[in-house]
Amino acid sequence: MGASVQKDVNALLRRLRTEFGCTVAPTGKGHWRVSRPGCRPIIVSATPSRENALRNVKRDARRHLGVDL
């Protein structure tokens, strides 16, 4: 279960970077900080373990980055 979620979240991060021009940078605590100019950044776990992690990334991107995945 976890490896599939990991791949899906990585694909979303890649899409945020390439399609929407977001900056994806590692934090010091094993997470990813996703930011876009003029928007509040979101934090994404680097090691998601449950399917709802993917849903949460999509929700946060829509709410805080103005991106609909």
Protein backbone atom coordinates (compact mmCIF):
# COMPACT_ATOMS: atom_id res chain seq x y z
CA MET A 1 0.00 0.00 0.00
CA GLY A 2 2.66 2.55 0.98
CA ALA A 3 4.87 2.25 -2.12
CA SER A 4 1.95 2.96 -4.45
CA VAL A 5 0.95 6.04 -2.46
CA GLN A 6 4.58 7.18 -2.48
CA LYS A 7 4.71 6.95 -6.28
CA ASP A 8 1.41 8.81 -6.66
CA VAL A 9 2.48 11.64 -4.34
CA ASN A 10 5.84 11.90 -6.15
CA ALA A 11 3.98 12.14 -9.46
CA LEU A 12 1.80 14.94 -8.05
CA LEU A 13 4.86 16.82 -6.80
CA ARG A 14 6.48 16.47 -10.22
CA ARG A 15 3.27 17.74 -11.86
CA LEU A 16 3.07 20.72 -9.49
CA ARG A 17 6.64 21.61 -10.42
CA THR A 18 6.39 21.20 -14.19
CA GLU A 19 2.81 22.18 -15.03
CA PHE A 20 2.13 24.85 -12.43
CA GLY A 21 5.58 26.30 -11.75
CA CYS A 22 5.61 25.45 -8.06
CA THR A 23 8.85 25.23 -6.12
CA VAL A 24 9.34 21.90 -4.34
CA ALA A 25 12.11 21.90 -1.75
CA PRO A 26 12.99 19.51 1.09
CA THR A 27 12.51 20.63 4.66
CA GLY A 28 14.90 19.65 7.42
CA LYS A 29 12.46 17.11 8.83
CA GLY A 30 11.75 14.74 5.96
CA HIS A 31 8.94 16.60 4.24
CA TRP A 32 8.52 18.65 1.07
CA ARG A 33 7.63 22.34 1.03
CA VAL A 34 5.62 23.26 -2.05
CA SER A 35 5.26 26.95 -2.78
CA ARG A 36 3.95 29.18 -5.52
CA PRO A 37 4.40 32.97 -5.74
CA GLY A 38 1.60 34.84 -3.99
CA CYS A 39 0.25 31.70 -2.30
CA ARG A 40 0.60 30.07 1.08
CA PRO A 41 3.01 27.09 0.91
CA ILE A 42 1.96 23.56 1.76
CA ILE A 43 3.95 20.80 3.44
CA VAL A 44 3.83 17.26 2.04
CA SER A 45 5.16 14.15 3.74
CA ALA A 46 8.12 12.60 1.97
CA THR A 47 7.00 9.16 3.16
CA PRO A 48 3.19 9.00 2.91
CA SER A 49 1.77 5.72 4.11
CA ARG A 50 -1.99 5.93 3.55
CA GLU A 51 -4.23 6.60 0.58
CA ASN A 52 -5.74 9.68 2.21
CA ALA A 53 -2.31 11.36 1.92
CA LEU A 54 -2.89 11.72 -1.81
CA ARG A 55 -6.33 13.22 -1.25
CA ASN A 56 -4.90 15.64 1.31
CA VAL A 57 -2.19 16.85 -1.09
CA LYS A 58 -4.80 17.55 -3.76
CA ARG A 59 -7.01 19.36 -1.25
CA ASP A 60 -4.17 21.51 0.09
CA ALA A 61 -2.96 22.36 -3.43
CA ARG A 62 -6.45 23.54 -4.35
CA ARG A 63 -6.97 25.54 -1.14
CA HIS A 64 -3.57 27.12 -0.70
CA LEU A 65 -1.87 27.09 -4.11
CA GLY A 66 -4.91 27.70 -6.30
CA VAL A 67 -4.19 24.54 -8.32
CA ASP A 68 -6.80 21.93 -9.21
CA LEU A 69 -5.13 18.55 -9.71
